[in-house]
């Protein structure tokens, strides 16, 4: 995918929690709340200060899985100093609840409780062993911490066959009943992808069912509940909001994460909440009647600041970023896309240099565990460079240079970084060359250097200017907005596109009277489509684009009488009716097809 230059720009979610329901809202920029760095002298900062009491989820329902910061906390039982420092950062990020892993700790529970109290934290649930021999100790530890839920990172048993899934369900019932009878509420089961992709025929109906469904059907809701990990479920091809609507009475907790390259070739890549593929507003709306805790997780998160921003998302429905103009101009496609690459080394045959220029957020280049290391791209011609974007994996460079060359032999440094912090680097550069090299000089981790994408932007230094990118057609926008299989554009950018269209054409205001961008989205992408309506909407969007571009006029006649402006106004009236059906739209289908055929 092309890394969106707006990916980390602040934007308001198109939803707000009001009166117990998610309602449509507008996007508005807001500042991110950053957590202080480790070791700094800090006072607790609550991200909720940036929004009202009813703007998002309440503090009492937001939690964080501590595996998010496994790089800081380590595995097993952390030292008192480490857990105190990490929990202080988590509290400063805004969280009031945590979900530990590897619990129970060998640390005495009173000592652990004192650290939690010092930072104003409660334990919402936990992941840990479900071995029967140590289960009483696990339950006692959780009860002493005041937990209602005792969880595991999986299903507490195997499920390779239908019979194994049944046996696991029986064992989980035993665990849950013991916990319930000894002071806890329920045991919590957590999924990855395989619980949904492992499927077998139901012995009675013959219907193919997943391991998750078998275990759900055969566990006692008095003792057993589920923590639906929305990221792994989506990557398994599950419509998460629909799944919650069907099974919500058995799902009392969520793992809330976001990612790009979901349910696609390659691995998903986790990102901050609101910056990925998942339709989190719809998921949260579906979960509201059922879920007690929304537990944020980003495996190996890059910083406590990223957790503060994701907390802000849940508490205020704001995604974090650096602010700025959301509708800033794009730079076109990266010059590196699909171009020849050379590297100093690779650490694995599955992580070659070409994977850093393939447009796939789930593949990456990785170097040997040494320094310096480099990756170079032949752009095919000489370019005056303007911008370089680097999408780092966890193994990022804290020091590196951007270099150019006319021949791939003699290199000139055009930009130097000495304080790199990973994640995304978006750098303005000035230099000329056919070859561009990222020369990494200092590792930030014990590993080598690894990046998902290296993007370079500029204009030809000789010859005619680079042609403008081809305008996205109606089918592209429809597919991107609904299916999001290749997340080149965010919802915020789509609204920027519509905003730009508003500025170019009087269609929105004078003719069809769409006074807000939310109205435009409702008209062009109303919810709950079927295939027929999808086709209709692509035709509708095609007309909108033609009018905005000037290739069609509002005064053009249409089949059956009237003008293009009349047609758009009539469809808008239907589209703004939430109860619109296929029958209500059918009478306009032929006219839309005729208009599109003329342009």
Protein backbone atom coordinates (compact mmCIF):
# COMPACT_ATOMS: atom_id res chain seq x y z
CA UNK A 1 0.00 0.00 0.00
CA UNK A 2 0.99 3.61 -0.35
CA UNK A 3 1.51 5.09 3.11
CA UNK A 4 -1.08 7.79 3.53
CA UNK A 5 0.49 11.10 4.46
CA UNK A 6 -2.61 11.65 6.59
CA UNK A 7 -2.28 8.32 8.40
CA UNK A 8 -1.30 9.88 11.72
CA UNK A 9 -3.10 13.18 11.34
CA UNK A 10 -5.67 13.88 14.04
CA UNK A 11 -9.20 13.29 12.90
CA UNK A 12 -12.56 12.95 14.51
CA UNK A 13 -14.26 9.60 14.09
CA UNK A 14 -17.48 9.70 12.12
CA UNK A 15 -19.34 8.63 15.23
CA UNK A 16 -19.97 9.80 18.78
CA UNK A 17 -21.49 7.98 21.73
CA UNK A 18 -24.65 9.75 22.76
CA UNK A 19 -27.53 8.48 24.88
CA UNK A 20 -26.27 4.90 24.71
CA UNK A 21 -25.96 4.73 20.94
CA UNK A 22 -23.38 5.57 18.29
CA UNK A 23 -24.62 8.40 16.12
CA UNK A 24 -23.11 9.91 13.00
CA UNK A 25 -20.75 12.81 13.63
CA UNK A 26 -18.27 14.97 11.79
CA UNK A 27 -14.53 14.82 11.57
CA UNK A 28 -12.60 17.53 13.37
CA UNK A 29 -8.94 17.80 14.18
CA UNK A 30 -7.83 17.50 17.80
CA UNK A 31 -4.45 17.22 19.50
CA UNK A 32 -3.10 13.90 20.65
CA UNK A 33 -2.27 13.36 24.30
CA UNK A 34 1.26 12.10 24.70
CA UNK A 35 2.59 10.05 27.59
CA UNK A 36 5.76 11.30 29.27
CA UNK A 37 8.98 9.44 28.57
CA UNK A 38 10.35 6.89 31.01
CA UNK A 39 12.38 8.40 33.77
CA UNK A 40 10.92 11.88 33.39
CA UNK A 41 9.46 13.70 36.33
CA UNK A 42 5.75 13.57 35.61
CA UNK A 43 2.37 14.18 37.03
CA UNK A 44 -0.51 11.96 35.94
CA UNK A 45 -2.15 13.14 32.76
CA UNK A 46 -5.64 12.03 31.90
CA UNK A 47 -6.44 12.02 28.20
CA UNK A 48 -10.12 12.41 29.05
CA UNK A 49 -9.46 16.08 29.87
CA UNK A 50 -9.68 16.79 26.12
CA UNK A 51 -13.30 15.69 25.80
CA UNK A 52 -16.60 15.68 27.61
CA UNK A 53 -17.96 13.00 29.91
CA UNK A 54 -20.26 11.58 27.23
CA UNK A 55 -17.95 11.88 24.22
CA UNK A 56 -16.64 8.31 24.19
CA UNK A 57 -16.31 5.21 26.30
CA UNK A 58 -16.14 5.79 30.06
CA UNK A 59 -12.84 5.28 31.87
CA UNK A 60 -14.33 2.38 33.80
CA UNK A 61 -14.74 0.35 30.60
CA UNK A 62 -11.31 1.04 29.04
CA UNK A 63 -8.37 -1.24 29.82
CA UNK A 64 -4.95 -2.07 28.36
CA UNK A 65 -3.33 -5.47 27.88
CA UNK A 66 0.17 -5.09 29.30
CA UNK A 67 1.59 -7.22 26.48
CA UNK A 68 1.29 -3.96 24.56
CA UNK A 69 4.48 -2.97 26.39
CA UNK A 70 6.15 -6.36 26.65
CA UNK A 71 9.39 -4.75 25.48
CA UNK A 72 9.35 -2.69 28.66
CA UNK A 73 7.83 -5.09 31.15
CA UNK A 74 9.41 -8.34 29.95
CA UNK A 75 7.98 -11.84 30.36
CA UNK A 76 7.18 -13.61 33.60
CA UNK A 77 7.12 -11.65 36.84
CA UNK A 78 8.63 -8.17 36.45
CA UNK A 79 10.72 -6.63 39.18
CA UNK A 80 8.87 -4.25 41.53
CA UNK A 81 10.83 -1.34 40.03
CA UNK A 82 9.90 -2.32 36.47
CA UNK A 83 6.19 -2.87 37.13
CA UNK A 84 6.05 0.39 39.09
CA UNK A 85 7.64 2.33 36.22
CA UNK A 86 5.50 0.71 33.49
CA UNK A 87 2.25 1.09 35.41
CA UNK A 88 3.11 4.72 36.06
CA UNK A 89 3.46 5.32 32.33
CA UNK A 90 0.22 3.45 31.63
CA UNK A 91 -1.62 5.55 34.20
CA UNK A 92 -0.14 8.74 32.76
CA UNK A 93 -1.45 7.66 29.36
CA UNK A 94 -4.96 7.80 30.84
CA UNK A 95 -5.78 4.18 31.66
CA UNK A 96 -7.43 3.25 34.95
CA UNK A 97 -7.65 -0.51 34.24
CA UNK A 98 -5.05 -3.03 33.17
CA UNK A 99 -4.98 -6.62 31.93
CA UNK A 100 -1.73 -8.39 32.93
CA UNK A 101 -0.33 -11.47 31.21
CA UNK A 102 1.63 -14.32 32.82
CA UNK A 103 -0.46 -13.94 35.97
CA UNK A 104 -0.28 -14.90 38.80
CA UNK A 105 3.04 -13.22 39.45
CA UNK A 106 5.52 -14.65 41.92
CA UNK A 107 5.34 -11.19 43.53
CA UNK A 108 3.23 -11.27 46.72
CA UNK A 109 -0.25 -10.07 45.90
CA UNK A 110 -0.23 -7.40 48.61
CA UNK A 111 2.94 -5.89 47.18
CA UNK A 112 1.42 -5.89 43.70
CA UNK A 113 -1.81 -4.39 45.01
CA UNK A 114 0.11 -1.56 46.66
CA UNK A 115 1.79 -0.64 43.34
CA UNK A 116 -1.59 -0.68 41.59
CA UNK A 117 -3.09 1.55 44.27
CA UNK A 118 -0.21 4.00 44.00
CA UNK A 119 -1.12 4.59 40.35
CA UNK A 120 -4.89 4.42 40.75
CA UNK A 121 -5.22 1.24 38.69
CA UNK A 122 -7.56 -1.74 38.85
CA UNK A 123 -7.17 -5.16 37.20
CA UNK A 124 -10.03 -5.74 34.79
CA UNK A 125 -8.98 -9.26 33.75
CA UNK A 126 -5.81 -11.25 33.21
CA UNK A 127 -4.17 -13.78 30.91
CA UNK A 128 -2.31 -16.67 32.43
CA UNK A 129 -2.07 -20.39 32.91
CA UNK A 130 -5.18 -22.56 32.94
CA UNK A 131 -3.44 -25.65 34.26
CA UNK A 132 -5.79 -27.39 36.65
CA UNK A 133 -3.09 -28.15 39.22
CA UNK A 134 -2.31 -24.44 39.71
CA UNK A 135 -5.80 -23.11 38.99
CA UNK A 136 -6.69 -22.58 42.67
CA UNK A 137 -3.60 -20.38 43.08
CA UNK A 138 -4.49 -18.45 39.91
CA UNK A 139 -8.05 -17.87 41.12
CA UNK A 140 -6.97 -16.82 44.63
CA UNK A 141 -4.50 -14.29 43.23
CA UNK A 142 -7.10 -12.79 40.89
CA UNK A 143 -9.76 -12.60 43.60
CA UNK A 144 -7.31 -10.84 45.91
CA UNK A 145 -6.83 -8.22 43.18
CA UNK A 146 -10.59 -7.75 42.87
CA UNK A 147 -10.92 -9.27 39.37
CA UNK A 148 -14.29 -10.40 38.03
CA UNK A 149 -12.67 -12.06 35.01
CA UNK A 150 -9.79 -14.52 34.84
CA UNK A 151 -8.57 -15.08 31.32
CA UNK A 152 -6.19 -16.90 29.06
CA UNK A 153 -4.48 -15.95 25.84
CA UNK A 154 -6.24 -18.78 24.01
CA UNK A 155 -9.02 -21.32 24.40
CA UNK A 156 -7.42 -23.29 27.29
CA UNK A 157 -7.23 -26.42 25.15
CA UNK A 158 -6.90 -27.86 21.66
CA UNK A 159 -9.53 -27.76 18.93
CA UNK A 160 -7.95 -29.43 15.91
CA UNK A 161 -10.98 -31.72 15.62
CA UNK A 162 -14.60 -31.35 16.59
CA UNK A 163 -14.09 -33.84 19.42
CA UNK A 164 -11.11 -31.88 20.75
CA UNK A 165 -13.18 -28.69 20.73
CA UNK A 166 -15.88 -30.45 22.76
CA UNK A 167 -13.29 -31.67 25.26
CA UNK A 168 -11.87 -28.17 25.58
CA UNK A 169 -15.36 -26.77 26.22
CA UNK A 170 -15.91 -29.33 28.99
CA UNK A 171 -12.57 -28.46 30.59
CA UNK A 172 -13.28 -24.75 30.41
CA UNK A 173 -16.64 -25.29 32.10
CA UNK A 174 -14.78 -26.99 34.93
CA UNK A 175 -12.34 -24.09 35.25
CA UNK A 176 -15.08 -21.48 35.08
CA UNK A 177 -17.26 -23.18 37.66
CA UNK A 178 -14.37 -23.40 40.12
CA UNK A 179 -13.56 -19.71 39.62
CA UNK A 180 -17.19 -18.73 40.05
CA UNK A 181 -17.56 -20.73 43.23
CA UNK A 182 -14.38 -19.24 44.72
CA UNK A 183 -15.08 -15.55 44.35
CA UNK A 184 -14.49 -14.67 40.70
CA UNK A 185 -17.15 -14.17 38.05
CA UNK A 186 -16.10 -16.07 34.93
CA UNK A 187 -13.20 -17.44 32.96
CA UNK A 188 -12.50 -15.53 29.75
CA UNK A 189 -11.39 -17.15 26.48
CA UNK A 190 -9.41 -15.18 23.90
CA UNK A 191 -9.10 -15.87 20.17
CA UNK A 192 -6.51 -15.55 17.47
CA UNK A 193 -7.24 -16.39 13.80
CA UNK A 194 -7.29 -20.19 13.99
CA UNK A 195 -10.35 -20.39 16.23
CA UNK A 196 -12.32 -19.11 13.22
CA UNK A 197 -10.39 -20.72 10.38
CA UNK A 198 -10.48 -24.20 11.97
CA UNK A 199 -13.79 -25.59 10.79
CA UNK A 200 -15.58 -28.94 10.73
CA UNK A 201 -19.04 -30.28 9.90
CA UNK A 202 -21.55 -30.19 12.72
CA UNK A 203 -22.42 -33.83 13.51
CA UNK A 204 -26.17 -33.16 13.54
CA UNK A 205 -26.73 -30.53 10.85
CA UNK A 206 -23.72 -31.10 8.61
CA UNK A 207 -23.18 -27.33 8.57
CA UNK A 208 -19.55 -26.20 8.67
CA UNK A 209 -18.87 -24.55 12.02
CA UNK A 210 -15.73 -22.96 13.47
CA UNK A 211 -13.89 -24.07 16.58
CA UNK A 212 -14.99 -20.82 18.25
CA UNK A 213 -18.63 -21.63 17.57
CA UNK A 214 -18.31 -25.17 18.91
CA UNK A 215 -16.67 -24.01 22.13
CA UNK A 216 -19.20 -21.19 22.53
CA UNK A 217 -22.13 -23.54 22.01
CA UNK A 218 -20.87 -26.05 24.56
CA UNK A 219 -19.76 -23.78 27.41
CA UNK A 220 -21.92 -22.61 30.29
CA UNK A 221 -22.61 -18.85 30.11
CA UNK A 222 -22.79 -18.74 33.90
CA UNK A 223 -19.09 -19.57 34.13
CA UNK A 224 -17.55 -18.87 30.73
CA UNK A 225 -17.42 -15.78 28.56
CA UNK A 226 -15.33 -14.62 25.59
CA UNK A 227 -12.89 -11.83 24.92
CA UNK A 228 -13.22 -11.23 21.19
CA UNK A 229 -9.93 -10.01 19.73
CA UNK A 230 -11.28 -7.86 16.93
CA UNK A 231 -7.98 -7.66 15.03
CA UNK A 232 -7.34 -11.39 14.79
CA UNK A 233 -11.01 -12.06 14.07
CA UNK A 234 -11.00 -9.57 11.20
CA UNK A 235 -7.81 -11.07 9.82
CA UNK A 236 -9.58 -14.45 9.81
CA UNK A 237 -12.26 -12.95 7.53
CA UNK A 238 -14.88 -12.35 10.21
CA UNK A 239 -17.30 -9.42 9.94
CA UNK A 240 -16.62 -8.41 13.52
CA UNK A 241 -19.60 -6.10 14.08
CA UNK A 242 -21.99 -8.72 12.68
CA UNK A 243 -20.35 -11.42 14.81
CA UNK A 244 -20.86 -9.37 17.95
CA UNK A 245 -24.49 -8.75 17.02
CA UNK A 246 -25.01 -12.51 16.71
CA UNK A 247 -22.98 -13.69 19.70
CA UNK A 248 -22.90 -10.58 21.86
CA UNK A 249 -24.55 -12.19 24.87
CA UNK A 250 -21.45 -14.41 25.17
CA UNK A 251 -18.88 -11.67 24.56
CA UNK A 252 -18.26 -9.57 27.67
CA UNK A 253 -14.79 -8.29 26.76
CA UNK A 254 -13.05 -7.09 23.61
CA UNK A 255 -9.44 -6.83 22.65
CA UNK A 256 -9.46 -3.61 20.65
CA UNK A 257 -6.65 -3.34 18.14
CA UNK A 258 -6.22 -1.89 14.67
CA UNK A 259 -4.07 -2.99 11.75
CA UNK A 260 -3.42 -2.62 8.05
CA UNK A 261 -3.18 -5.45 5.52
CA UNK A 262 -5.99 -7.29 7.30
CA UNK A 263 -7.36 -10.48 5.73
CA UNK A 264 -4.93 -10.02 2.83
CA UNK A 265 -1.75 -11.58 1.47
CA UNK A 266 1.05 -11.29 3.99
CA UNK A 267 0.74 -10.57 7.68
CA UNK A 268 -1.41 -7.86 9.23
CA UNK A 269 0.58 -4.97 10.66
CA UNK A 270 -0.74 -3.42 13.87
CA UNK A 271 -1.10 0.36 14.14
CA UNK A 272 -2.64 2.83 16.56
CA UNK A 273 -6.41 2.80 16.97
CA UNK A 274 -8.20 4.64 14.18
CA UNK A 275 -5.29 4.37 11.75
CA UNK A 276 -5.95 0.95 10.23
CA UNK A 277 -8.47 -1.10 8.29
CA UNK A 278 -10.90 -2.02 11.05
CA UNK A 279 -14.27 -0.30 11.24
CA UNK A 280 -13.92 0.39 14.95
CA UNK A 281 -16.94 2.72 15.24
CA UNK A 282 -19.24 -0.04 13.96
CA UNK A 283 -17.57 -2.60 16.22
CA UNK A 284 -17.94 -0.41 19.30
CA UNK A 285 -21.56 0.35 18.41
CA UNK A 286 -22.37 -3.35 18.12
CA UNK A 287 -20.54 -4.14 21.37
CA UNK A 288 -22.09 -1.47 23.55
CA UNK A 289 -25.07 -3.53 24.82
CA UNK A 290 -22.83 -6.44 25.85
CA UNK A 291 -19.22 -5.53 26.59
CA UNK A 292 -17.89 -4.67 30.04
CA UNK A 293 -14.26 -3.95 29.08
CA UNK A 294 -12.70 -2.65 25.88
CA UNK A 295 -9.07 -3.70 26.29
CA UNK A 296 -6.61 -1.98 23.99
CA UNK A 297 -3.70 -4.04 22.67
CA UNK A 298 -0.88 -3.40 20.22
CA UNK A 299 1.67 -6.20 20.41
CA UNK A 300 5.10 -4.63 20.90
CA UNK A 301 3.77 -1.07 20.72
CA UNK A 302 6.45 1.46 19.81
CA UNK A 303 5.94 3.82 22.75
CA UNK A 304 3.80 4.83 25.69
CA UNK A 305 2.78 7.83 23.59
CA UNK A 306 1.12 5.48 21.11
CA UNK A 307 -0.89 4.00 23.99
CA UNK A 308 -1.90 7.49 25.12
CA UNK A 309 -3.15 8.22 21.61
CA UNK A 310 -5.12 4.96 21.46
CA UNK A 311 -6.58 5.67 24.88
CA UNK A 312 -7.64 9.05 23.50
CA UNK A 313 -9.36 7.25 20.64
CA UNK A 314 -11.46 5.13 22.99
CA UNK A 315 -12.14 7.83 25.54
CA UNK A 316 -12.91 10.65 23.11
CA UNK A 317 -13.18 8.89 19.73
CA UNK A 318 -10.13 10.77 18.54
CA UNK A 319 -7.25 9.18 16.66
CA UNK A 320 -3.84 10.52 17.44
CA UNK A 321 -1.59 12.46 15.14
CA UNK A 322 0.43 15.51 14.57
CA UNK A 323 -2.38 17.84 13.54
CA UNK A 324 -2.19 19.96 10.43
CA UNK A 325 -4.22 20.26 7.28
CA UNK A 326 -6.10 17.06 6.65
CA UNK A 327 -6.71 17.99 3.04
CA UNK A 328 -3.10 18.69 2.12
CA UNK A 329 -2.21 17.75 -1.43
CA UNK A 330 -0.93 14.25 -2.15
CA UNK A 331 2.42 13.65 -3.83
CA UNK A 332 1.23 10.95 -6.24
CA UNK A 333 2.63 7.44 -6.22
CA UNK A 334 5.98 6.62 -4.71
CA UNK A 335 8.81 6.51 -7.24
CA UNK A 336 10.12 3.33 -5.61
CA UNK A 337 7.05 1.19 -6.23
CA UNK A 338 8.20 -1.99 -7.96
CA UNK A 339 11.66 -0.57 -8.80
CA UNK A 340 14.92 -2.64 -8.60
CA UNK A 341 16.43 -2.84 -5.13
CA UNK A 342 19.82 -3.82 -3.75
CA UNK A 343 20.68 -4.31 -0.08
CA UNK A 344 23.75 -4.81 2.06
CA UNK A 345 22.25 -8.02 3.50
CA UNK A 346 19.08 -9.84 4.47
CA UNK A 347 18.35 -11.72 7.67
CA UNK A 348 15.90 -14.16 6.12
CA UNK A 349 14.98 -15.23 2.56
CA UNK A 350 11.41 -14.21 3.37
CA UNK A 351 12.48 -10.58 4.00
CA UNK A 352 14.18 -9.36 0.84
CA UNK A 353 14.73 -5.80 -0.33
CA UNK A 354 12.01 -5.85 -2.97
CA UNK A 355 9.47 -6.28 -0.16
CA UNK A 356 10.18 -2.72 0.95
CA UNK A 357 8.92 -1.34 -2.37
CA UNK A 358 6.03 -3.72 -3.12
CA UNK A 359 3.23 -1.56 -1.70
CA UNK A 360 2.29 -4.30 0.78
CA UNK A 361 2.14 -3.24 4.43
CA UNK A 362 2.46 -6.86 5.54
CA UNK A 363 5.88 -7.57 3.97
CA UNK A 364 9.26 -6.13 4.90
CA UNK A 365 13.01 -6.11 4.37
CA UNK A 366 15.24 -7.13 7.25
CA UNK A 367 19.03 -6.81 7.47
CA UNK A 368 21.63 -8.78 9.33
CA UNK A 369 22.06 -7.85 13.00
CA UNK A 370 24.91 -5.43 12.41
CA UNK A 371 25.67 -1.88 11.38
CA UNK A 372 25.98 -0.15 9.04
CA UNK A 373 23.42 -1.70 6.69
CA UNK A 374 21.67 -0.20 3.67
CA UNK A 375 18.92 -0.52 1.10
CA UNK A 376 19.14 1.25 -2.28
CA UNK A 377 16.57 1.77 -5.05
CA UNK A 378 17.13 2.49 -8.74
CA UNK A 379 14.40 4.96 -9.76
CA UNK A 380 15.08 4.40 -13.47
CA UNK A 381 15.80 8.08 -14.21
CA UNK A 382 17.15 11.14 -12.45
CA UNK A 383 14.71 12.89 -10.10
CA UNK A 384 14.72 16.03 -8.00
CA UNK A 385 13.66 14.59 -4.67
CA UNK A 386 11.20 16.27 -2.31
CA UNK A 387 10.17 13.72 0.28
CA UNK A 388 11.10 10.32 1.76
CA UNK A 389 8.73 8.21 3.87
CA UNK A 390 9.96 5.23 5.89
CA UNK A 391 7.60 2.73 7.52
CA UNK A 392 9.76 1.07 10.16
CA UNK A 393 9.26 -2.30 11.76
CA UNK A 394 10.19 -2.67 15.45
CA UNK A 395 13.87 -2.96 14.43
CA UNK A 396 14.30 0.68 13.42
CA UNK A 397 17.34 2.88 12.95
CA UNK A 398 18.02 5.62 15.49
CA UNK A 399 20.68 6.97 13.14
CA UNK A 400 20.69 6.92 9.34
CA UNK A 401 21.38 8.92 6.20
CA UNK A 402 19.42 9.45 2.98
CA UNK A 403 21.87 9.39 0.10
CA UNK A 404 21.60 9.97 -3.66
CA UNK A 405 23.74 8.87 -6.58
CA UNK A 406 23.76 9.31 -10.37
CA UNK A 407 25.21 5.85 -10.98
CA UNK A 408 24.77 3.73 -7.83
CA UNK A 409 28.49 4.02 -7.08
CA UNK A 410 29.21 7.55 -5.83
CA UNK A 411 26.91 8.66 -3.01
CA UNK A 412 26.01 12.08 -1.61
CA UNK A 413 24.25 12.45 1.74
CA UNK A 414 21.24 14.77 1.46
CA UNK A 415 19.71 14.19 4.90
CA UNK A 416 20.98 12.85 8.24
CA UNK A 417 18.93 11.57 11.20
CA UNK A 418 20.57 11.10 14.60
CA UNK A 419 17.50 10.78 16.85
CA UNK A 420 15.16 8.42 14.99
CA UNK A 421 12.27 7.05 17.03
CA UNK A 422 10.80 4.47 14.65
CA UNK A 423 7.24 4.00 13.42
CA UNK A 424 6.86 6.43 10.46
CA UNK A 425 9.47 8.93 9.32
CA UNK A 426 8.20 11.52 6.84
CA UNK A 427 11.15 13.64 5.73
CA UNK A 428 11.42 16.64 3.44
CA UNK A 429 14.59 16.29 1.37
CA UNK A 430 16.35 18.19 -1.38
CA UNK A 431 18.65 16.33 -3.73
CA UNK A 432 18.98 14.85 -7.20
CA UNK A 433 19.79 11.34 -8.35
CA UNK A 434 18.64 8.17 -10.07
CA UNK A 435 19.64 6.02 -7.13
CA UNK A 436 18.52 6.61 -3.54
CA UNK A 437 19.95 4.79 -0.54
CA UNK A 438 18.88 4.56 3.07
CA UNK A 439 22.19 4.08 4.89
CA UNK A 440 21.48 2.92 8.47
CA UNK A 441 24.30 3.65 10.89
CA UNK A 442 22.88 3.05 14.38
CA UNK A 443 20.51 0.35 15.57
CA UNK A 444 17.80 1.16 18.12
CA UNK A 445 17.35 -2.50 19.10
CA UNK A 446 19.45 -5.63 19.41
CA UNK A 447 18.20 -6.73 15.99
CA UNK A 448 19.24 -5.36 12.62
CA UNK A 449 17.24 -2.88 10.56
CA UNK A 450 13.81 -3.64 9.12
CA UNK A 451 11.22 -1.61 7.26
CA UNK A 452 7.88 -2.31 5.66
CA UNK A 453 8.00 0.37 2.97
CA UNK A 454 10.45 2.90 1.62
CA UNK A 455 8.70 5.63 -0.38
CA UNK A 456 10.36 8.41 -2.35
CA UNK A 457 8.71 11.38 -4.03
CA UNK A 458 9.97 13.95 -6.52
CA UNK A 459 9.86 15.19 -10.09
CA UNK A 460 12.04 14.31 -13.11
CA UNK A 461 15.19 16.41 -13.22
CA UNK A 462 15.33 16.09 -17.03
CA UNK A 463 12.53 16.01 -19.56
CA UNK A 464 8.82 16.71 -19.18
CA UNK A 465 7.15 16.85 -15.76
CA UNK A 466 5.73 13.70 -14.29
CA UNK A 467 2.09 13.29 -15.35
CA UNK A 468 -0.50 13.86 -12.67
CA UNK A 469 -1.82 10.63 -11.12
CA UNK A 470 -4.85 9.21 -12.87
CA UNK A 471 -8.06 10.28 -11.14
CA UNK A 472 -9.66 7.55 -9.07
CA UNK A 473 -12.84 6.29 -10.66
CA UNK A 474 -16.14 5.62 -8.97
CA UNK A 475 -15.49 1.90 -8.70
CA UNK A 476 -12.18 2.57 -6.91
CA UNK A 477 -13.70 4.82 -4.28
CA UNK A 478 -16.66 2.50 -3.71
CA UNK A 479 -14.40 -0.51 -3.27
CA UNK A 480 -11.92 1.33 -1.04
CA UNK A 481 -14.56 2.76 1.27
CA UNK A 482 -16.56 -0.41 1.77
CA UNK A 483 -14.18 -3.31 1.36
CA UNK A 484 -10.90 -1.67 2.44
CA UNK A 485 -8.87 -4.56 1.07
CA UNK A 486 -6.02 -2.22 0.11
CA UNK A 487 -6.21 0.69 2.53
CA UNK A 488 -4.66 3.40 0.37
CA UNK A 489 -7.08 5.97 1.74
CA UNK A 490 -8.68 6.61 5.09
CA UNK A 491 -12.23 7.77 5.72
CA UNK A 492 -10.82 11.18 6.61
CA UNK A 493 -9.13 11.43 3.22
CA UNK A 494 -12.32 10.41 1.50
CA UNK A 495 -14.07 13.28 3.23
CA UNK A 496 -11.25 15.55 2.12
CA UNK A 497 -11.94 14.40 -1.42
CA UNK A 498 -15.61 15.26 -1.01
CA UNK A 499 -14.67 18.60 0.53
CA UNK A 500 -12.54 19.35 -2.51
CA UNK A 501 -15.45 18.43 -4.74
CA UNK A 502 -17.68 20.82 -2.80
CA UNK A 503 -15.26 23.62 -3.54
CA UNK A 504 -15.26 22.87 -7.26
CA UNK A 505 -18.95 22.44 -7.90
CA UNK A 506 -22.28 23.88 -6.86
CA UNK A 507 -23.76 20.38 -6.90
CA UNK A 508 -23.48 20.05 -3.14
CA UNK A 509 -25.00 23.34 -2.02
CA UNK A 510 -27.09 25.05 -4.67
CA UNK A 511 -28.62 22.08 -6.41
CA UNK A 512 -28.90 19.10 -4.07
CA UNK A 513 -28.37 21.01 -0.83
CA UNK A 514 -25.91 18.66 0.87
CA UNK A 515 -24.87 21.05 3.60
CA UNK A 516 -22.51 18.72 5.47
CA UNK A 517 -19.91 16.15 4.51
CA UNK A 518 -21.80 13.59 6.56
CA UNK A 519 -24.77 14.12 4.23
CA UNK A 520 -22.49 13.47 1.28
CA UNK A 521 -21.24 10.23 2.77
CA UNK A 522 -24.80 9.16 3.56
CA UNK A 523 -25.85 9.81 -0.02
CA UNK A 524 -22.89 8.18 -1.69
CA UNK A 525 -22.27 5.33 0.77
CA UNK A 526 -25.40 4.59 2.72
CA UNK A 527 -25.06 1.66 5.17
CA UNK A 528 -26.20 -1.93 4.74
CA UNK A 529 -25.75 -2.39 1.02
CA UNK A 530 -26.46 -5.44 -1.01
CA UNK A 531 -24.71 -6.16 -4.31
CA UNK A 532 -27.36 -4.40 -6.39
CA UNK A 533 -27.13 -1.23 -4.34
CA UNK A 534 -23.33 -1.33 -4.55
CA UNK A 535 -23.57 -1.22 -8.33
CA UNK A 536 -26.10 1.61 -8.14
CA UNK A 537 -23.85 3.64 -5.82
CA UNK A 538 -20.84 3.25 -8.09
CA UNK A 539 -22.96 4.66 -10.93
CA UNK A 540 -24.14 7.50 -8.71
CA UNK A 541 -20.61 8.38 -7.63
CA UNK A 542 -19.54 8.33 -11.28
CA UNK A 543 -22.05 11.09 -12.04
CA UNK A 544 -20.90 13.14 -9.06
CA UNK A 545 -17.29 12.91 -10.21
CA UNK A 546 -18.18 13.82 -13.79
CA UNK A 547 -20.04 16.92 -12.64
CA UNK A 548 -17.25 17.95 -10.27
CA UNK A 549 -14.68 17.51 -13.05
CA UNK A 550 -16.78 19.47 -15.52
CA UNK A 551 -17.27 16.62 -18.00
CA UNK A 552 -20.99 16.59 -17.22
CA UNK A 553 -23.28 19.55 -16.63
CA UNK A 554 -26.11 19.90 -14.17
CA UNK A 555 -28.19 21.13 -17.09
CA UNK A 556 -27.61 18.03 -19.25
CA UNK A 557 -30.87 16.23 -20.06
CA UNK A 558 -31.45 12.71 -18.74
CA UNK A 559 -33.57 9.80 -19.91
CA UNK A 560 -37.18 10.23 -18.86
CA UNK A 561 -37.03 14.01 -18.62
CA UNK A 562 -35.37 16.55 -16.38
CA UNK A 563 -31.68 17.30 -15.95
CA UNK A 564 -28.66 15.77 -14.26
CA UNK A 565 -29.18 18.24 -11.41
CA UNK A 566 -32.79 17.09 -11.02
CA UNK A 567 -31.66 13.46 -10.98
CA UNK A 568 -29.04 14.04 -8.27
CA UNK A 569 -31.49 16.00 -6.17
CA UNK A 570 -34.09 13.22 -6.39
CA UNK A 571 -31.58 10.51 -5.46
CA UNK A 572 -30.28 12.61 -2.58
CA UNK A 573 -33.77 12.84 -1.14
CA UNK A 574 -34.06 9.04 -1.14
CA UNK A 575 -30.53 8.46 0.08
CA UNK A 576 -30.93 10.71 3.14
CA UNK A 577 -33.85 8.56 4.20
CA UNK A 578 -32.33 5.89 6.44
CA UNK A 579 -35.12 3.51 5.44
CA UNK A 580 -34.41 3.70 1.70
CA UNK A 581 -34.77 0.37 -0.10
CA UNK A 582 -33.79 -1.06 -3.46
CA UNK A 583 -37.30 -0.38 -4.73
CA UNK A 584 -36.97 3.31 -3.86
CA UNK A 585 -33.82 3.56 -5.97
CA UNK A 586 -34.76 1.35 -8.89
CA UNK A 587 -36.59 4.04 -10.84
CA UNK A 588 -33.35 6.04 -11.14
CA UNK A 589 -31.14 3.17 -12.31
CA UNK A 590 -31.67 3.55 -16.07
CA UNK A 591 -31.15 7.31 -15.95
CA UNK A 592 -27.85 6.91 -14.09
CA UNK A 593 -26.63 4.29 -16.54
CA UNK A 594 -27.48 6.58 -19.46
CA UNK A 595 -25.64 9.57 -17.96
CA UNK A 596 -22.53 7.49 -17.25
CA UNK A 597 -22.60 6.01 -20.74
CA UNK A 598 -22.36 9.52 -22.21
CA UNK A 599 -19.19 10.38 -20.28
